[in-house]
Amino acid sequence: QPFYVNSPFGIVLAHNGNLTNTEVLKDEVFKDDLRHVNT
């Protein structure tokens, strides 16, 4: 980290912790938000 996305505006982010619903969010990000996660 940090990670980068170019839309909107360009954002970089760094995170400490752990999401417990990552797999659900991955589905939402890909199918509903139309975004791509590369890692």
Full PDB file with SEQRES, HELIX, SHEET, SSBOND, CRYST1, ORIGX, SCALE, CONECT and MASTER records, all heavy atoms in Angstrom:
SEQRES   1 A   39  GLN PRO PHE TYR VAL ASN SER PRO PHE GLY ILE VAL LEU          
SEQRES   2 A   39  ALA HIS ASN GLY ASN LEU THR ASN THR GLU VAL LEU LYS          
SEQRES   3 A   39  ASP GLU VAL PHE LYS ASP ASP LEU ARG HIS VAL ASN THR          
HELIX    1 AA1 THR A   22  ASP A   27  1                                   6    
HELIX    2 AA2 GLU A   28  ASP A   32  3                                   5    
SHEET    1 AA1 2 PHE A   3  VAL A   5  0                                        
SHEET    2 AA1 2 ILE A  11  LEU A  13 -1                                        
CRYST1    1.000    1.000    1.000  90.00  90.00  90.00 P 1           1          
ORIGX1      1.000000  0.000000  0.000000        0.00000                         
ORIGX2      0.000000  1.000000  0.000000        0.00000                         
ORIGX3      0.000000  0.000000  1.000000        0.00000                         
SCALE1      1.000000  0.000000  0.000000        0.00000                         
SCALE2      0.000000  1.000000  0.000000        0.00000                         
SCALE3      0.000000  0.000000  1.000000        0.00000                         
ATOM      1  N   GLN A   1       0.838  -1.202   0.000  1.00  0.00           N  
ATOM      2  CA  GLN A   1       0.000   0.000   0.000  1.00  0.00           C  
ATOM      3  C   GLN A   1       0.871   1.249   0.000  1.00  0.00           C  
ATOM      4  O   GLN A   1       2.043   1.170   0.326  1.00  0.00           O  
ATOM      5  CB  GLN A   1      -0.912  -0.028   1.238  1.00  0.00           C  
ATOM      6  CG  GLN A   1      -1.877  -1.194   1.271  1.00  0.00           C  
ATOM      7  CD  GLN A   1      -2.869  -1.083   2.407  1.00  0.00           C  
ATOM      8  OE1 GLN A   1      -3.428  -0.028   2.693  1.00  0.00           O  
ATOM      9  NE2 GLN A   1      -3.103  -2.213   3.081  1.00  0.00           N  
ATOM     10  N   PRO A   2       0.292   2.387  -0.374  1.00  0.00           N  
ATOM     11  CA  PRO A   2      -1.104   2.705  -0.683  1.00  0.00           C  
ATOM     12  C   PRO A   2      -1.557   2.169  -2.042  1.00  0.00           C  
ATOM     13  O   PRO A   2      -0.748   1.836  -2.901  1.00  0.00           O  
ATOM     14  CB  PRO A   2      -1.125   4.243  -0.659  1.00  0.00           C  
ATOM     15  CG  PRO A   2       0.061   4.650   0.136  1.00  0.00           C  
ATOM     16  CD  PRO A   2       1.097   3.613  -0.191  1.00  0.00           C  
ATOM     17  N   PHE A   3      -2.913   2.124  -2.215  1.00  0.00           N  
ATOM     18  CA  PHE A   3      -3.533   1.758  -3.470  1.00  0.00           C  
ATOM     19  C   PHE A   3      -4.089   3.007  -4.159  1.00  0.00           C  
ATOM     20  O   PHE A   3      -4.359   4.013  -3.499  1.00  0.00           O  
ATOM     21  CB  PHE A   3      -4.673   0.756  -3.246  1.00  0.00           C  
ATOM     22  CG  PHE A   3      -4.190  -0.627  -2.915  1.00  0.00           C  
ATOM     23  CD1 PHE A   3      -4.318  -1.121  -1.629  1.00  0.00           C  
ATOM     24  CD2 PHE A   3      -3.629  -1.439  -3.886  1.00  0.00           C  
ATOM     25  CE1 PHE A   3      -3.880  -2.402  -1.313  1.00  0.00           C  
ATOM     26  CE2 PHE A   3      -3.190  -2.712  -3.589  1.00  0.00           C  
ATOM     27  CZ  PHE A   3      -3.305  -3.202  -2.298  1.00  0.00           C  
ATOM     28  N   TYR A   4      -4.290   2.894  -5.489  1.00  0.00           N  
ATOM     29  CA  TYR A   4      -4.687   4.054  -6.302  1.00  0.00           C  
ATOM     30  C   TYR A   4      -5.843   3.689  -7.220  1.00  0.00           C  
ATOM     31  O   TYR A   4      -5.871   2.594  -7.799  1.00  0.00           O  
ATOM     32  CB  TYR A   4      -3.497   4.512  -7.142  1.00  0.00           C  
ATOM     33  CG  TYR A   4      -3.846   5.455  -8.277  1.00  0.00           C  
ATOM     34  CD1 TYR A   4      -4.161   6.791  -8.027  1.00  0.00           C  
ATOM     35  CD2 TYR A   4      -3.863   5.008  -9.601  1.00  0.00           C  
ATOM     36  CE1 TYR A   4      -4.483   7.657  -9.065  1.00  0.00           C  
ATOM     37  CE2 TYR A   4      -4.184   5.865 -10.642  1.00  0.00           C  
ATOM     38  CZ  TYR A   4      -4.494   7.192 -10.366  1.00  0.00           C  
ATOM     39  OH  TYR A   4      -4.818   8.040 -11.396  1.00  0.00           O  
ATOM     40  N   VAL A   5      -6.818   4.610  -7.360  1.00  0.00           N  
ATOM     41  CA  VAL A   5      -7.818   4.554  -8.440  1.00  0.00           C  
ATOM     42  C   VAL A   5      -7.857   5.929  -9.098  1.00  0.00           C  
ATOM     43  O   VAL A   5      -7.650   6.952  -8.444  1.00  0.00           O  
ATOM     44  CB  VAL A   5      -9.230   4.170  -7.931  1.00  0.00           C  
ATOM     45  CG1 VAL A   5      -9.289   2.741  -7.466  1.00  0.00           C  
ATOM     46  CG2 VAL A   5      -9.718   5.123  -6.866  1.00  0.00           C  
ATOM     47  N   ASN A   6      -8.140   5.942 -10.396  1.00  0.00           N  
ATOM     48  CA  ASN A   6      -8.092   7.227 -11.105  1.00  0.00           C  
ATOM     49  C   ASN A   6      -9.454   7.893 -11.221  1.00  0.00           C  
ATOM     50  O   ASN A   6      -9.554   9.016 -11.722  1.00  0.00           O  
ATOM     51  CB  ASN A   6      -7.477   7.045 -12.503  1.00  0.00           C  
ATOM     52  CG  ASN A   6      -8.346   6.228 -13.436  1.00  0.00           C  
ATOM     53  OD1 ASN A   6      -9.329   5.623 -13.004  1.00  0.00           O  
ATOM     54  ND2 ASN A   6      -7.967   6.181 -14.705  1.00  0.00           N  
ATOM     55  N   SER A   7     -10.526   7.210 -10.770  1.00  0.00           N  
ATOM     56  CA  SER A   7     -11.856   7.803 -10.908  1.00  0.00           C  
ATOM     57  C   SER A   7     -12.663   7.548  -9.639  1.00  0.00           C  
ATOM     58  O   SER A   7     -12.670   6.429  -9.113  1.00  0.00           O  
ATOM     59  CB  SER A   7     -12.589   7.162 -12.097  1.00  0.00           C  
ATOM     60  OG  SER A   7     -13.918   7.629 -12.196  1.00  0.00           O  
ATOM     61  N   PRO A   8     -13.328   8.569  -9.089  1.00  0.00           N  
ATOM     62  CA  PRO A   8     -13.317   9.954  -9.581  1.00  0.00           C  
ATOM     63  C   PRO A   8     -12.119  10.732  -9.027  1.00  0.00           C  
ATOM     64  O   PRO A   8     -11.633  10.429  -7.946  1.00  0.00           O  
ATOM     65  CB  PRO A   8     -14.625  10.507  -9.012  1.00  0.00           C  
ATOM     66  CG  PRO A   8     -14.786   9.774  -7.710  1.00  0.00           C  
ATOM     67  CD  PRO A   8     -14.242   8.395  -7.942  1.00  0.00           C  
ATOM     68  N   PHE A   9     -11.661  11.681  -9.736  1.00  0.00           N  
ATOM     69  CA  PHE A   9     -10.635  12.649  -9.343  1.00  0.00           C  
ATOM     70  C   PHE A   9      -9.231  12.054  -9.249  1.00  0.00           C  
ATOM     71  O   PHE A   9      -8.243  12.722  -9.492  1.00  0.00           O  
ATOM     72  CB  PHE A   9     -10.962  13.304  -7.974  1.00  0.00           C  
ATOM     73  CG  PHE A   9     -12.340  13.848  -7.882  1.00  0.00           C  
ATOM     74  CD1 PHE A   9     -13.295  13.225  -7.107  1.00  0.00           C  
ATOM     75  CD2 PHE A   9     -12.698  14.980  -8.594  1.00  0.00           C  
ATOM     76  CE1 PHE A   9     -14.588  13.722  -7.029  1.00  0.00           C  
ATOM     77  CE2 PHE A   9     -13.982  15.492  -8.522  1.00  0.00           C  
ATOM     78  CZ  PHE A   9     -14.934  14.852  -7.741  1.00  0.00           C  
ATOM     79  N   GLY A  10      -9.095  10.816  -8.864  1.00  0.00           N  
ATOM     80  CA  GLY A  10      -7.825  10.203  -8.486  1.00  0.00           C  
ATOM     81  C   GLY A  10      -7.742  10.141  -6.970  1.00  0.00           C  
ATOM     82  O   GLY A  10      -7.770  11.178  -6.299  1.00  0.00           O  
ATOM     83  N   ILE A  11      -7.711   8.933  -6.434  1.00  0.00           N  
ATOM     84  CA  ILE A  11      -7.675   8.736  -4.981  1.00  0.00           C  
ATOM     85  C   ILE A  11      -6.602   7.707  -4.650  1.00  0.00           C  
ATOM     86  O   ILE A  11      -6.486   6.682  -5.331  1.00  0.00           O  
ATOM     87  CB  ILE A  11      -9.030   8.228  -4.434  1.00  0.00           C  
ATOM     88  CG1 ILE A  11     -10.182   9.105  -4.911  1.00  0.00           C  
ATOM     89  CG2 ILE A  11      -9.016   8.165  -2.903  1.00  0.00           C  
ATOM     90  CD1 ILE A  11     -11.563   8.527  -4.589  1.00  0.00           C  
ATOM     91  N   VAL A  12      -5.823   7.951  -3.606  1.00  0.00           N  
ATOM     92  CA  VAL A  12      -4.915   6.949  -3.052  1.00  0.00           C  
ATOM     93  C   VAL A  12      -5.320   6.716  -1.601  1.00  0.00           C  
ATOM     94  O   VAL A  12      -5.779   7.638  -0.915  1.00  0.00           O  
ATOM     95  CB  VAL A  12      -3.432   7.364  -3.138  1.00  0.00           C  
ATOM     96  CG1 VAL A  12      -2.930   7.291  -4.568  1.00  0.00           C  
ATOM     97  CG2 VAL A  12      -3.201   8.745  -2.555  1.00  0.00           C  
ATOM     98  N   LEU A  13      -5.150   5.478  -1.134  1.00  0.00           N  
ATOM     99  CA  LEU A  13      -5.629   5.115   0.194  1.00  0.00           C  
ATOM    100  C   LEU A  13      -4.710   4.097   0.841  1.00  0.00           C  
ATOM    101  O   LEU A  13      -4.180   3.194   0.179  1.00  0.00           O  
ATOM    102  CB  LEU A  13      -7.056   4.559   0.083  1.00  0.00           C  
ATOM    103  CG  LEU A  13      -7.738   4.033   1.349  1.00  0.00           C  
ATOM    104  CD1 LEU A  13      -9.249   4.331   1.296  1.00  0.00           C  
ATOM    105  CD2 LEU A  13      -7.524   2.530   1.522  1.00  0.00           C  
ATOM    106  N   ALA A  14      -4.526   4.243   2.156  1.00  0.00           N  
ATOM    107  CA  ALA A  14      -3.816   3.265   2.973  1.00  0.00           C  
ATOM    108  C   ALA A  14      -4.677   2.933   4.175  1.00  0.00           C  
ATOM    109  O   ALA A  14      -5.354   3.796   4.725  1.00  0.00           O  
ATOM    110  CB  ALA A  14      -2.455   3.816   3.414  1.00  0.00           C  
ATOM    111  N   HIS A  15      -4.610   1.681   4.610  1.00  0.00           N  
ATOM    112  CA  HIS A  15      -5.598   1.162   5.570  1.00  0.00           C  
ATOM    113  C   HIS A  15      -4.915   0.269   6.600  1.00  0.00           C  
ATOM    114  O   HIS A  15      -4.055  -0.541   6.268  1.00  0.00           O  
ATOM    115  CB  HIS A  15      -6.649   0.376   4.760  1.00  0.00           C  
ATOM    116  CG  HIS A  15      -7.447  -0.623   5.540  1.00  0.00           C  
ATOM    117  ND1 HIS A  15      -7.684  -1.909   5.071  1.00  0.00           N  
ATOM    118  CD2 HIS A  15      -8.066  -0.549   6.734  1.00  0.00           C  
ATOM    119  CE1 HIS A  15      -8.429  -2.558   5.942  1.00  0.00           C  
ATOM    120  NE2 HIS A  15      -8.669  -1.765   6.967  1.00  0.00           N  
ATOM    121  N   ASN A  16      -5.303   0.442   7.856  1.00  0.00           N  
ATOM    122  CA  ASN A  16      -4.877  -0.441   8.941  1.00  0.00           C  
ATOM    123  C   ASN A  16      -6.107  -1.139   9.490  1.00  0.00           C  
ATOM    124  O   ASN A  16      -7.047  -0.486   9.943  1.00  0.00           O  
ATOM    125  CB  ASN A  16      -4.186   0.362  10.050  1.00  0.00           C  
ATOM    126  CG  ASN A  16      -3.907  -0.471  11.284  1.00  0.00           C  
ATOM    127  OD1 ASN A  16      -3.651  -1.675  11.189  1.00  0.00           O  
ATOM    128  ND2 ASN A  16      -3.952   0.158  12.444  1.00  0.00           N  
ATOM    129  N   GLY A  17      -6.124  -2.461   9.467  1.00  0.00           N  
ATOM    130  CA  GLY A  17      -7.253  -3.215   9.980  1.00  0.00           C  
ATOM    131  C   GLY A  17      -7.603  -4.367   9.077  1.00  0.00           C  
ATOM    132  O   GLY A  17      -6.773  -4.851   8.301  1.00  0.00           O  
ATOM    133  N   ASN A  18      -8.849  -4.812   9.140  1.00  0.00           N  
ATOM    134  CA  ASN A  18      -9.296  -5.919   8.317  1.00  0.00           C  
ATOM    135  C   ASN A  18     -10.810  -5.855   8.173  1.00  0.00           C  
ATOM    136  O   ASN A  18     -11.538  -5.734   9.169  1.00  0.00           O  
ATOM    137  CB  ASN A  18      -8.909  -7.261   8.955  1.00  0.00           C  
ATOM    138  CG  ASN A  18      -9.217  -8.436   8.045  1.00  0.00           C  
ATOM    139  OD1 ASN A  18      -8.764  -8.488   6.910  1.00  0.00           O  
ATOM    140  ND2 ASN A  18     -10.011  -9.374   8.540  1.00  0.00           N  
ATOM    141  N   LEU A  19     -11.292  -5.905   6.926  1.00  0.00           N  
ATOM    142  CA  LEU A  19     -12.728  -5.945   6.673  1.00  0.00           C  
ATOM    143  C   LEU A  19     -13.216  -7.378   6.814  1.00  0.00           C  
ATOM    144  O   LEU A  19     -12.595  -8.310   6.291  1.00  0.00           O  
ATOM    145  CB  LEU A  19     -13.047  -5.421   5.271  1.00  0.00           C  
ATOM    146  CG  LEU A  19     -12.621  -3.983   4.943  1.00  0.00           C  
ATOM    147  CD1 LEU A  19     -13.095  -3.609   3.546  1.00  0.00           C  
ATOM    148  CD2 LEU A  19     -13.143  -3.000   5.968  1.00  0.00           C  
ATOM    149  N   THR A  20     -14.344  -7.538   7.479  1.00  0.00           N  
ATOM    150  CA  THR A  20     -14.873  -8.886   7.689  1.00  0.00           C  
ATOM    151  C   THR A  20     -15.892  -9.285   6.627  1.00  0.00           C  
ATOM    152  O   THR A  20     -16.330 -10.441   6.603  1.00  0.00           O  
ATOM    153  CB  THR A  20     -15.520  -8.987   9.086  1.00  0.00           C  
ATOM    154  OG1 THR A  20     -16.451  -7.922   9.255  1.00  0.00           O  
ATOM    155  CG2 THR A  20     -14.462  -8.904  10.172  1.00  0.00           C  
ATOM    156  N   ASN A  21     -16.275  -8.360   5.761  1.00  0.00           N  
ATOM    157  CA  ASN A  21     -17.206  -8.696   4.675  1.00  0.00           C  
ATOM    158  C   ASN A  21     -16.571  -8.414   3.311  1.00  0.00           C  
ATOM    159  O   ASN A  21     -17.244  -7.983   2.369  1.00  0.00           O  
ATOM    160  CB  ASN A  21     -18.526  -7.941   4.829  1.00  0.00           C  
ATOM    161  CG  ASN A  21     -18.367  -6.422   4.702  1.00  0.00           C  
ATOM    162  OD1 ASN A  21     -17.304  -5.890   4.991  1.00  0.00           O  
ATOM    163  ND2 ASN A  21     -19.423  -5.746   4.277  1.00  0.00           N  
ATOM    164  N   THR A  22     -15.296  -8.710   3.191  1.00  0.00           N  
ATOM    165  CA  THR A  22     -14.551  -8.413   1.958  1.00  0.00           C  
ATOM    166  C   THR A  22     -15.159  -9.095   0.744  1.00  0.00           C  
ATOM    167  O   THR A  22     -15.292  -8.479  -0.330  1.00  0.00           O  
ATOM    168  CB  THR A  22     -13.082  -8.837   2.109  1.00  0.00           C  
ATOM    169  OG1 THR A  22     -12.501  -8.152   3.213  1.00  0.00           O  
ATOM    170  CG2 THR A  22     -12.294  -8.514   0.859  1.00  0.00           C  
ATOM    171  N   GLU A  23     -15.517 -10.375   0.874  1.00  0.00           N  
ATOM    172  CA  GLU A  23     -16.002 -11.115  -0.293  1.00  0.00           C  
ATOM    173  C   GLU A  23     -17.324 -10.551  -0.807  1.00  0.00           C  
ATOM    174  O   GLU A  23     -17.550 -10.460  -2.011  1.00  0.00           O  
ATOM    175  CB  GLU A  23     -16.141 -12.603   0.047  1.00  0.00           C  
ATOM    176  CG  GLU A  23     -14.838 -13.274   0.462  1.00  0.00           C  
ATOM    177  CD  GLU A  23     -13.758 -13.162  -0.590  1.00  0.00           C  
ATOM    178  OE1 GLU A  23     -14.105 -13.109  -1.794  1.00  0.00           O  
ATOM    179  OE2 GLU A  23     -12.572 -13.133  -0.225  1.00  0.00           O  
ATOM    180  N   VAL A  24     -18.204 -10.184   0.104  1.00  0.00           N  
ATOM    181  CA  VAL A  24     -19.465  -9.548  -0.296  1.00  0.00           C  
ATOM    182  C   VAL A  24     -19.183  -8.236  -1.014  1.00  0.00           C  
ATOM    183  O   VAL A  24     -19.775  -7.935  -2.060  1.00  0.00           O  
ATOM    184  CB  VAL A  24     -20.364  -9.315   0.934  1.00  0.00           C  
ATOM    185  CG1 VAL A  24     -21.538  -8.407   0.583  1.00  0.00           C  
ATOM    186  CG2 VAL A  24     -20.862 -10.635   1.488  1.00  0.00           C  
ATOM    187  N   LEU A  25     -18.283  -7.444  -0.460  1.00  0.00           N  
ATOM    188  CA  LEU A  25     -17.941  -6.153  -1.073  1.00  0.00           C  
ATOM    189  C   LEU A  25     -17.304  -6.334  -2.451  1.00  0.00           C  
ATOM    190  O   LEU A  25     -17.559  -5.542  -3.363  1.00  0.00           O  
ATOM    191  CB  LEU A  25     -17.004  -5.374  -0.153  1.00  0.00           C  
ATOM    192  CG  LEU A  25     -17.621  -4.835   1.137  1.00  0.00           C  
ATOM    193  CD1 LEU A  25     -16.539  -4.239   2.040  1.00  0.00           C  
ATOM    194  CD2 LEU A  25     -18.681  -3.781   0.838  1.00  0.00           C  
ATOM    195  N   LYS A  26     -16.491  -7.370  -2.613  1.00  0.00           N  
ATOM    196  CA  LYS A  26     -15.887  -7.624  -3.931  1.00  0.00           C  
ATOM    197  C   LYS A  26     -16.965  -7.838  -4.980  1.00  0.00           C  
ATOM    198  O   LYS A  26     -16.872  -7.328  -6.106  1.00  0.00           O  
ATOM    199  CB  LYS A  26     -14.974  -8.855  -3.860  1.00  0.00           C  
ATOM    200  CG  LYS A  26     -13.586  -8.595  -3.321  1.00  0.00           C  
ATOM    201  CD  LYS A  26     -12.758  -9.872  -3.380  1.00  0.00           C  
ATOM    202  CE  LYS A  26     -11.361  -9.632  -2.839  1.00  0.00           C  
ATOM    203  NZ  LYS A  26     -10.557 -10.886  -2.825  1.00  0.00           N  
ATOM    204  N   ASP A  27     -17.984  -8.618  -4.620  1.00  0.00           N  
ATOM    205  CA  ASP A  27     -19.100  -8.841  -5.549  1.00  0.00           C  
ATOM    206  C   ASP A  27     -19.805  -7.530  -5.874  1.00  0.00           C  
ATOM    207  O   ASP A  27     -20.121  -7.250  -7.035  1.00  0.00           O  
ATOM    208  CB  ASP A  27     -20.105  -9.814  -4.924  1.00  0.00           C  
ATOM    209  CG  ASP A  27     -19.686 -11.262  -5.096  1.00  0.00           C  
ATOM    210  OD1 ASP A  27     -18.680 -11.507  -5.779  1.00  0.00           O  
ATOM    211  OD2 ASP A  27     -20.361 -12.146  -4.534  1.00  0.00           O  
ATOM    212  N   GLU A  28     -20.066  -6.737  -4.840  1.00  0.00           N  
ATOM    213  CA  GLU A  28     -20.765  -5.470  -5.049  1.00  0.00           C  
ATOM    214  C   GLU A  28     -19.935  -4.529  -5.920  1.00  0.00           C  
ATOM    215  O   GLU A  28     -20.479  -3.869  -6.831  1.00  0.00           O  
ATOM    216  CB  GLU A  28     -21.043  -4.806  -3.710  1.00  0.00           C  
ATOM    217  CG  GLU A  28     -22.059  -5.514  -2.846  1.00  0.00           C  
ATOM    218  CD  GLU A  28     -22.261  -4.826  -1.506  1.00  0.00           C  
ATOM    219  OE1 GLU A  28     -21.586  -3.807  -1.242  1.00  0.00           O  
ATOM    220  OE2 GLU A  28     -23.096  -5.304  -0.734  1.00  0.00           O  
ATOM    221  N   VAL A  29     -18.653  -4.444  -5.639  1.00  0.00           N  
ATOM    222  CA  VAL A  29     -17.775  -3.539  -6.381  1.00  0.00           C  
ATOM    223  C   VAL A  29     -17.742  -3.919  -7.859  1.00  0.00           C  
ATOM    224  O   VAL A  29     -17.785  -3.057  -8.749  1.00  0.00           O  
ATOM    225  CB  VAL A  29     -16.354  -3.550  -5.772  1.00  0.00           C  
ATOM    226  CG1 VAL A  29     -15.341  -2.948  -6.730  1.00  0.00           C  
ATOM    227  CG2 VAL A  29     -16.339  -2.785  -4.449  1.00  0.00           C  
ATOM    228  N   PHE A  30     -17.688  -5.227  -8.127  1.00  0.00           N  
ATOM    229  CA  PHE A  30     -17.578  -5.683  -9.524  1.00  0.00           C  
ATOM    230  C   PHE A  30     -18.924  -5.618 -10.249  1.00  0.00           C  
ATOM    231  O   PHE A  30     -19.023  -5.079 -11.351  1.00  0.00           O  
ATOM    232  CB  PHE A  30     -17.020  -7.107  -9.547  1.00  0.00           C  
ATOM    233  CG  PHE A  30     -16.860  -7.664 -10.938  1.00  0.00           C  
ATOM    234  CD1 PHE A  30     -15.865  -7.175 -11.782  1.00  0.00           C  
ATOM    235  CD2 PHE A  30     -17.692  -8.665 -11.408  1.00  0.00           C  
ATOM    236  CE1 PHE A  30     -15.713  -7.678 -13.069  1.00  0.00           C  
ATOM    237  CE2 PHE A  30     -17.554  -9.179 -12.688  1.00  0.00           C  
ATOM    238  CZ  PHE A  30     -16.556  -8.686 -13.525  1.00  0.00           C  
ATOM    239  N   LYS A  31     -19.975  -6.161  -9.601  1.00  0.00           N  
ATOM    240  CA  LYS A  31     -21.258  -6.304 -10.293  1.00  0.00           C  
ATOM    241  C   LYS A  31     -22.110  -5.043 -10.245  1.00  0.00           C  
ATOM    242  O   LYS A  31     -22.800  -4.703 -11.218  1.00  0.00           O  
ATOM    243  CB  LYS A  31     -22.038  -7.465  -9.690  1.00  0.00           C  
ATOM    244  CG  LYS A  31     -21.369  -8.818  -9.886  1.00  0.00           C  
ATOM    245  CD  LYS A  31     -22.145  -9.922  -9.173  1.00  0.00           C  
ATOM    246  CE  LYS A  31     -21.469 -11.273  -9.323  1.00  0.00           C  
ATOM    247  NZ  LYS A  31     -22.190 -12.340  -8.571  1.00  0.00           N  
ATOM    248  N   ASP A  32     -22.094  -4.350  -9.115  1.00  0.00           N  
ATOM    249  CA  ASP A  32     -22.976  -3.189  -8.943  1.00  0.00           C  
ATOM    250  C   ASP A  32     -22.253  -1.867  -9.201  1.00  0.00           C  
ATOM    251  O   ASP A  32     -22.789  -0.987  -9.874  1.00  0.00           O  
ATOM    252  CB  ASP A  32     -23.573  -3.183  -7.539  1.00  0.00           C  
ATOM    253  CG  ASP A  32     -24.370  -4.440  -7.236  1.00  0.00           C  
ATOM    254  OD1 ASP A  32     -24.891  -5.042  -8.192  1.00  0.00           O  
ATOM    255  OD2 ASP A  32     -24.447  -4.832  -6.050  1.00  0.00           O  
ATOM    256  N   ASP A  33     -21.053  -1.736  -8.655  1.00  0.00           N  
ATOM    257  CA  ASP A  33     -20.314  -0.469  -8.809  1.00  0.00           C  
ATOM    258  C   ASP A  33     -19.572  -0.394 -10.131  1.00  0.00           C  
ATOM    259  O   ASP A  33     -19.080   0.682 -10.509  1.00  0.00           O  
ATOM    260  CB  ASP A  33     -19.313  -0.299  -7.666  1.00  0.00           C  
ATOM    261  CG  ASP A  33     -19.963  -0.281  -6.294  1.00  0.00           C  
ATOM    262  OD1 ASP A  33     -21.206  -0.269  -6.240  1.00  0.00           O  
ATOM    263  OD2 ASP A  33     -19.229  -0.293  -5.284  1.00  0.00           O  
ATOM    264  N   LEU A  34     -19.439  -1.551 -10.823  1.00  0.00           N  
ATOM    265  CA  LEU A  34     -18.732  -1.638 -12.111  1.00  0.00           C  
ATOM    266  C   LEU A  34     -17.283  -1.179 -11.973  1.00  0.00           C  
ATOM    267  O   LEU A  34     -16.755  -0.429 -12.798  1.00  0.00           O  
ATOM    268  CB  LEU A  34     -19.466  -0.825 -13.182  1.00  0.00           C  
ATOM    269  CG  LEU A  34     -20.927  -1.206 -13.409  1.00  0.00           C  
ATOM    270  CD1 LEU A  34     -21.538  -0.334 -14.494  1.00  0.00           C  
ATOM    271  CD2 LEU A  34     -21.064  -2.680 -13.750  1.00  0.00           C  
ATOM    272  N   ARG A  35     -16.652  -1.659 -10.904  1.00  0.00           N  
ATOM    273  CA  ARG A  35     -15.246  -1.343 -10.655  1.00  0.00           C  
ATOM    274  C   ARG A  35     -14.433  -2.633 -10.610  1.00  0.00           C  
ATOM    275  O   ARG A  35     -14.968  -3.710 -10.347  1.00  0.00           O  
ATOM    276  CB  ARG A  35     -15.091  -0.572  -9.344  1.00  0.00           C  
ATOM    277  CG  ARG A  35     -15.614   0.840  -9.439  1.00  0.00           C  
ATOM    278  CD  ARG A  35     -15.445   1.616  -8.147  1.00  0.00           C  
ATOM    279  NE  ARG A  35     -15.679   3.021  -8.378  1.00  0.00           N  
ATOM    280  CZ  ARG A  35     -14.746   3.893  -8.753  1.00  0.00           C  
ATOM    281  NH1 ARG A  35     -13.506   3.483  -8.918  1.00  0.00           N  
ATOM    282  NH2 ARG A  35     -15.039   5.155  -8.974  1.00  0.00           N  
ATOM    283  N   HIS A  36     -13.128  -2.473 -10.839  1.00  0.00           N  
ATOM    284  CA  HIS A  36     -12.242  -3.628 -10.916  1.00  0.00           C  
ATOM    285  C   HIS A  36     -11.253  -3.627  -9.754  1.00  0.00           C  
ATOM    286  O   HIS A  36     -10.625  -2.601  -9.466  1.00  0.00           O  
ATOM    287  CB  HIS A  36     -11.462  -3.613 -12.237  1.00  0.00           C  
ATOM    288  CG  HIS A  36     -10.463  -4.721 -12.352  1.00  0.00           C  
ATOM    289  ND1 HIS A  36     -10.823  -6.042 -12.466  1.00  0.00           N  
ATOM    290  CD2 HIS A  36      -9.097  -4.691 -12.354  1.00  0.00           C  
ATOM    291  CE1 HIS A  36      -9.732  -6.786 -12.546  1.00  0.00           C  
ATOM    292  NE2 HIS A  36      -8.675  -5.996 -12.471  1.00  0.00           N  
ATOM    293  N   VAL A  37     -11.125  -4.766  -9.084  1.00  0.00           N  
ATOM    294  CA  VAL A  37     -10.143  -4.941  -8.015  1.00  0.00           C  
ATOM    295  C   VAL A  37      -9.058  -5.877  -8.515  1.00  0.00           C  
ATOM    296  O   VAL A  37      -9.354  -6.982  -8.987  1.00  0.00           O  
ATOM    297  CB  VAL A  37     -10.807  -5.508  -6.739  1.00  0.00           C  
ATOM    298  CG1 VAL A  37      -9.764  -5.779  -5.669  1.00  0.00           C  
ATOM    299  CG2 VAL A  37     -11.856  -4.534  -6.220  1.00  0.00           C  
ATOM    300  N   ASN A  38      -7.826  -5.453  -8.405  1.00  0.00           N  
ATOM    301  CA  ASN A  38      -6.725  -6.153  -9.060  1.00  0.00           C  
ATOM    302  C   ASN A  38      -5.899  -7.014  -8.119  1.00  0.00           C  
ATOM    303  O   ASN A  38      -5.003  -7.728  -8.567  1.00  0.00           O  
ATOM    304  CB  ASN A  38      -5.806  -5.123  -9.746  1.00  0.00           C  
ATOM    305  CG  ASN A  38      -4.981  -5.741 -10.848  1.00  0.00           C  
ATOM    306  OD1 ASN A  38      -5.516  -6.505 -11.652  1.00  0.00           O  
ATOM    307  ND2 ASN A  38      -3.695  -5.431 -10.878  1.00  0.00           N  
ATOM    308  N   THR A  39      -6.152  -6.943  -6.808  1.00  0.00           N  
ATOM    309  CA  THR A  39      -5.384  -7.719  -5.839  1.00  0.00           C  
ATOM    310  C   THR A  39      -6.347  -8.443  -4.896  1.00  0.00           C  
ATOM    311  O   THR A  39      -7.558  -8.283  -4.982  1.00  0.00           O  
ATOM    312  CB  THR A  39      -4.447  -6.821  -5.000  1.00  0.00           C  
ATOM    313  OG1 THR A  39      -5.242  -6.025  -4.096  1.00  0.00           O  
ATOM    314  CG2 THR A  39      -3.609  -5.900  -5.879  1.00  0.00           C  
TER     315      THR A  39                                                      
MASTER        0    0    0    2    2    0    0    6  314    1    0    3          
END                                                                             
